[in-house]
N, C-alpha and C. Protein backbone atom coordinates (compact mmCIF):
# COMPACT_ATOMS: atom_id res chain seq x y z
N MET A 1 22.99 -3.22 10.41
CA MET A 1 21.51 -3.25 10.41
C MET A 1 21.70 -2.74 8.74
N GLY A 2 21.89 -2.03 8.43
CA GLY A 2 22.23 -1.82 7.09
C GLY A 2 20.75 -1.34 6.64
N ILE A 3 20.71 -0.52 4.71
CA ILE A 3 19.69 -1.25 4.35
C ILE A 3 19.87 -2.09 3.41
N TRP A 4 19.15 -3.20 2.15
CA TRP A 4 19.25 -3.77 1.48
C TRP A 4 18.00 -3.57 0.38
N LYS A 5 18.37 -3.01 -0.43
CA LYS A 5 17.66 -2.88 -1.36
C LYS A 5 17.29 -4.05 -2.30
N VAL A 6 15.63 -4.19 -1.48
CA VAL A 6 14.36 -6.07 -2.88
C VAL A 6 13.48 -4.84 -3.68
N GLY A 7 13.78 -5.97 -4.57
CA GLY A 7 12.69 -4.93 -5.78
C GLY A 7 11.61 -5.61 -4.18
N THR A 8 10.51 -4.55 -5.60
CA THR A 8 9.03 -5.50 -4.95
C THR A 8 7.68 -4.61 -6.37
N ASN A 9 6.99 -5.36 -6.09
CA ASN A 9 5.46 -4.85 -7.05
C ASN A 9 4.48 -4.25 -6.34
N ALA A 10 3.19 -3.31 -6.54
CA ALA A 10 2.74 -3.04 -6.31
C ALA A 10 1.55 -3.06 -7.32
N LYS A 11 0.47 -3.17 -6.89
CA LYS A 11 -0.65 -2.08 -7.98
C LYS A 11 -1.24 -1.02 -7.39
N ILE A 12 -0.76 -0.19 -8.04
CA ILE A 12 -1.62 0.78 -7.26
C ILE A 12 -1.86 1.39 -9.27
N THR A 13 -2.73 2.79 -9.23
CA THR A 13 -3.69 2.93 -9.77
C THR A 13 -3.30 4.07 -10.81
N VAL A 14 -2.42 4.53 -11.90
CA VAL A 14 -2.52 5.65 -13.25
C VAL A 14 -2.10 6.60 -11.74
N GLU A 15 -3.57 7.19 -12.25
CA GLU A 15 -3.61 8.74 -10.90
C GLU A 15 -2.78 8.39 -9.56
N THR A 16 -2.81 7.57 -9.86
CA THR A 16 -2.01 7.19 -7.63
C THR A 16 -0.20 7.87 -8.01
N ARG A 17 0.42 6.66 -9.12
CA ARG A 17 0.99 6.77 -9.79
C ARG A 17 1.65 7.64 -9.99
N ALA A 18 1.26 8.68 -11.00
CA ALA A 18 1.15 9.99 -11.40
C ALA A 18 1.15 11.02 -10.64
N MET A 19 -0.03 10.94 -8.95
CA MET A 19 0.34 11.70 -7.45
C MET A 19 1.59 11.30 -6.91
N LEU A 20 2.29 10.42 -7.16
CA LEU A 20 3.44 9.77 -6.42
C LEU A 20 3.97 11.04 -6.98
N GLU A 21 4.12 10.82 -8.47
CA GLU A 21 5.85 11.24 -9.43
C GLU A 21 5.50 12.62 -8.97
N GLU A 22 4.76 13.15 -8.88
CA GLU A 22 4.93 15.13 -8.71
C GLU A 22 5.07 15.70 -7.24
N PHE A 23 4.53 14.40 -5.92
CA PHE A 23 5.17 15.00 -4.91
C PHE A 23 6.96 14.78 -5.04
N ALA A 24 7.30 13.55 -5.44
CA ALA A 24 8.14 12.94 -6.08
C ALA A 24 9.95 14.50 -6.02
N ALA A 25 9.02 14.84 -7.09
CA ALA A 25 9.97 15.71 -8.11
C ALA A 25 9.45 17.03 -7.04
N LYS A 26 8.22 17.84 -6.30
CA LYS A 26 8.14 18.62 -6.07
C LYS A 26 9.57 18.76 -4.22
N GLU A 27 9.60 17.77 -4.15
CA GLU A 27 10.67 17.30 -2.99
C GLU A 27 11.61 17.17 -3.50
N HIS A 28 11.95 16.75 -4.82
CA HIS A 28 13.20 16.51 -5.54
C HIS A 28 14.45 15.13 -5.51
N ARG A 29 13.42 14.23 -5.42
CA ARG A 29 13.82 12.81 -4.63
C ARG A 29 12.84 11.80 -6.06
N SER A 30 13.69 10.70 -5.82
CA SER A 30 13.03 9.81 -7.02
C SER A 30 12.13 8.62 -6.59
N LEU A 31 11.26 8.66 -7.28
CA LEU A 31 9.62 8.12 -6.84
C LEU A 31 10.50 6.34 -6.46
N GLY A 32 11.51 6.10 -6.42
CA GLY A 32 11.86 4.70 -5.28
C GLY A 32 12.33 4.52 -4.80
N ASN A 33 12.73 6.76 -3.87
CA ASN A 33 12.73 6.96 -2.40
C ASN A 33 12.07 7.22 -1.76
N LEU A 34 10.86 8.13 -3.61
CA LEU A 34 9.82 8.89 -1.37
C LEU A 34 8.25 7.13 -1.60
N CYS A 35 8.65 6.25 -2.44
CA CYS A 35 8.45 5.10 -1.97
C CYS A 35 8.50 4.27 -0.63
N PHE A 36 9.93 4.96 -0.80
CA PHE A 36 10.82 3.83 0.56
C PHE A 36 11.21 4.74 1.75
N VAL A 37 10.57 6.32 1.59
CA VAL A 37 10.04 7.18 2.69
C VAL A 37 8.94 7.18 3.05
N LEU A 38 7.71 6.09 2.51
CA LEU A 38 6.30 5.77 3.18
C LEU A 38 6.14 5.11 3.39
N LEU A 39 7.14 4.25 2.54
CA LEU A 39 6.93 2.66 3.55
C LEU A 39 7.14 2.56 4.74
N THR A 40 8.73 3.01 4.99
CA THR A 40 9.40 2.98 6.53
C THR A 40 7.96 3.24 7.04
N TRP A 41 7.72 4.28 7.00
CA TRP A 41 6.45 5.43 7.77
C TRP A 41 5.63 4.83 7.81
N ALA A 42 4.55 4.46 6.99
CA ALA A 42 3.06 3.73 7.07
C ALA A 42 3.78 1.95 8.59
N THR A 43 5.24 1.56 8.22
CA THR A 43 5.44 0.21 8.51
C THR A 43 5.47 0.95 10.10
N GLU A 44 6.17 1.83 10.82
CA GLU A 44 5.92 2.33 11.90
C GLU A 44 4.75 2.42 12.54
N GLN A 45 3.63 3.44 11.85
CA GLN A 45 2.22 3.41 12.19
C GLN A 45 1.95 2.99 12.55
N LEU A 46 1.76 1.03 11.40
CA LEU A 46 1.05 -0.06 12.30
C LEU A 46 2.46 -0.48 13.55
N GLN A 47 2.64 -0.43 13.39
CA GLN A 47 3.81 -1.41 14.00
C GLN A 47 2.70 -0.67 15.48
N LYS A 48 2.59 0.40 15.42
CA LYS A 48 2.29 1.04 16.92
C LYS A 48 0.96 0.61 17.08
N ALA A 49 -0.27 0.42 15.69
CA ALA A 49 -1.58 0.44 16.01
C ALA A 49 -1.47 -1.01 16.04
N GLY A 50 -0.73 -2.04 15.44
CA GLY A 50 -1.33 -3.11 15.30
C GLY A 50 -1.63 -3.95 14.83
N THR A 51 -2.45 -2.81 14.16
CA THR A 51 -3.53 -4.10 13.06
C THR A 51 -4.23 -2.42 11.63
N ILE A 52 -3.43 -3.00 10.70
CA ILE A 52 -4.66 -2.23 9.78
C ILE A 52 -6.00 -1.49 10.10
N GLU A 53 -7.00 -1.90 10.42
CA GLU A 53 -8.10 -1.55 10.81
C GLU A 53 -7.61 -0.03 12.14
N ARG A 54 -6.75 -0.99 12.56
CA ARG A 54 -6.98 0.27 14.08
C ARG A 54 -5.57 1.34 13.41
N LEU A 55 -5.39 1.10 12.33
CA LEU A 55 -4.13 2.08 12.00
C LEU A 55 -5.01 2.74 10.82
N LEU A 56 -6.23 2.98 10.06
CA LEU A 56 -7.34 3.12 9.80
C LEU A 56 -7.78 3.80 10.21
N GLY A 57 -8.39 3.90 11.50
CA GLY A 57 -9.36 4.13 12.01
C GLY A 57 -10.88 4.32 11.88
N LYS A 58 -10.88 3.01 10.93
CA LYS A 58 -12.04 2.73 9.89
C LYS A 58 -12.24 3.68 9.55
N ARG A 59 -12.05 4.57 8.92
CA ARG A 59 -12.28 5.80 7.94
C ARG A 59 -11.99 5.27 6.62
N VAL A 60 -11.27 4.93 6.87
CA VAL A 60 -10.84 4.33 4.77
C VAL A 60 -11.17 3.53 4.87
N PRO A 61 -12.41 2.96 4.20
CA PRO A 61 -12.18 1.14 3.44
C PRO A 61 -11.43 0.55 3.01
N ILE A 62 -10.58 0.06 3.28
CA ILE A 62 -10.28 -1.36 3.03
C ILE A 62 -10.86 -1.64 1.79
N PRO A 63 -9.43 -1.72 0.52
CA PRO A 63 -9.87 -2.59 -0.94
C PRO A 63 -10.22 -3.22 -0.80
N LYS A 64 -11.58 -4.54 -1.17
CA LYS A 64 -11.63 -5.78 -1.35
C LYS A 64 -10.93 -5.76 -2.88
N GLN A 65 -11.64 -5.21 -3.68
CA GLN A 65 -11.71 -5.96 -4.96
C GLN A 65 -9.44 -6.58 -5.58
N GLY A 66 -9.87 -7.80 -6.60
CA GLY A 66 -8.90 -8.24 -6.15
C GLY A 66 -8.36 -8.84 -5.01
N LEU A 67 -9.32 -9.51 -3.83
CA LEU A 67 -9.31 -10.88 -2.65
C LEU A 67 -9.97 -11.40 -3.03
N GLN A 68 -10.83 -11.82 -3.31
CA GLN A 68 -11.63 -12.64 -4.05
C GLN A 68 -11.17 -14.22 -4.37
N ARG A 69 -9.68 -14.49 -4.28
CA ARG A 69 -9.28 -15.36 -4.18
C ARG A 69 -9.00 -16.20 -3.11
N ASN A 70 -8.70 -15.43 -2.11
CA ASN A 70 -8.66 -15.32 -0.93
C ASN A 70 -10.10 -15.95 0.25
N LYS A 71 -11.76 -16.13 -0.76
CA LYS A 71 -12.56 -16.51 -0.40
C LYS A 71 -12.98 -17.69 -0.14
N PRO A 72 -12.86 -18.23 1.26
CA PRO A 72 -13.81 -20.26 0.54
C PRO A 72 -14.84 -19.83 -0.91
N TRP A 73 -13.59 -20.72 -2.02
CA TRP A 73 -14.96 -21.03 -2.85
C TRP A 73 -16.46 -21.22 -2.43
N ASN A 74 -17.04 -20.79 -3.15
CA ASN A 74 -18.69 -21.28 -3.55
C ASN A 74 -19.23 -20.82 -4.39
N ALA A 75 -19.92 -21.85 -4.71
CA ALA A 75 -20.90 -22.58 -6.12
C ALA A 75 -21.70 -21.70 -6.21
N GLU A 76 -22.48 -20.76 -5.72
CA GLU A 76 -23.12 -19.92 -5.72
C GLU A 76 -22.58 -18.14 -7.12
N SER A 77 -21.29 -17.80 -6.37
CA SER A 77 -21.46 -16.72 -6.50
C SER A 77 -20.51 -17.57 -7.70
N ILE A 78 -20.56 -18.66 -8.89
CA ILE A 78 -20.59 -17.96 -9.88
C ILE A 78 -21.07 -18.27 -11.46
N LYS A 79 -22.31 -18.65 -10.79
CA LYS A 79 -23.88 -18.70 -11.19
C LYS A 79 -24.14 -17.04 -11.99
């Protein structure tokens, strides 16, 4: 199987990036390596849970900002 390097983009806040960089420095890892570990772990947890709602246990709200384009168009929302 192996590991492939794949370029990805993710929207995160400046504060989140700073926090991740701090954790990476404490762990003597690169930011990319820390994100690889976290993404791998999160993927395994999501696979076990089956859905994001079950994974989060509905304790943490799922961000709604930026998802408006996925909703059906509504003429009243433009007014």
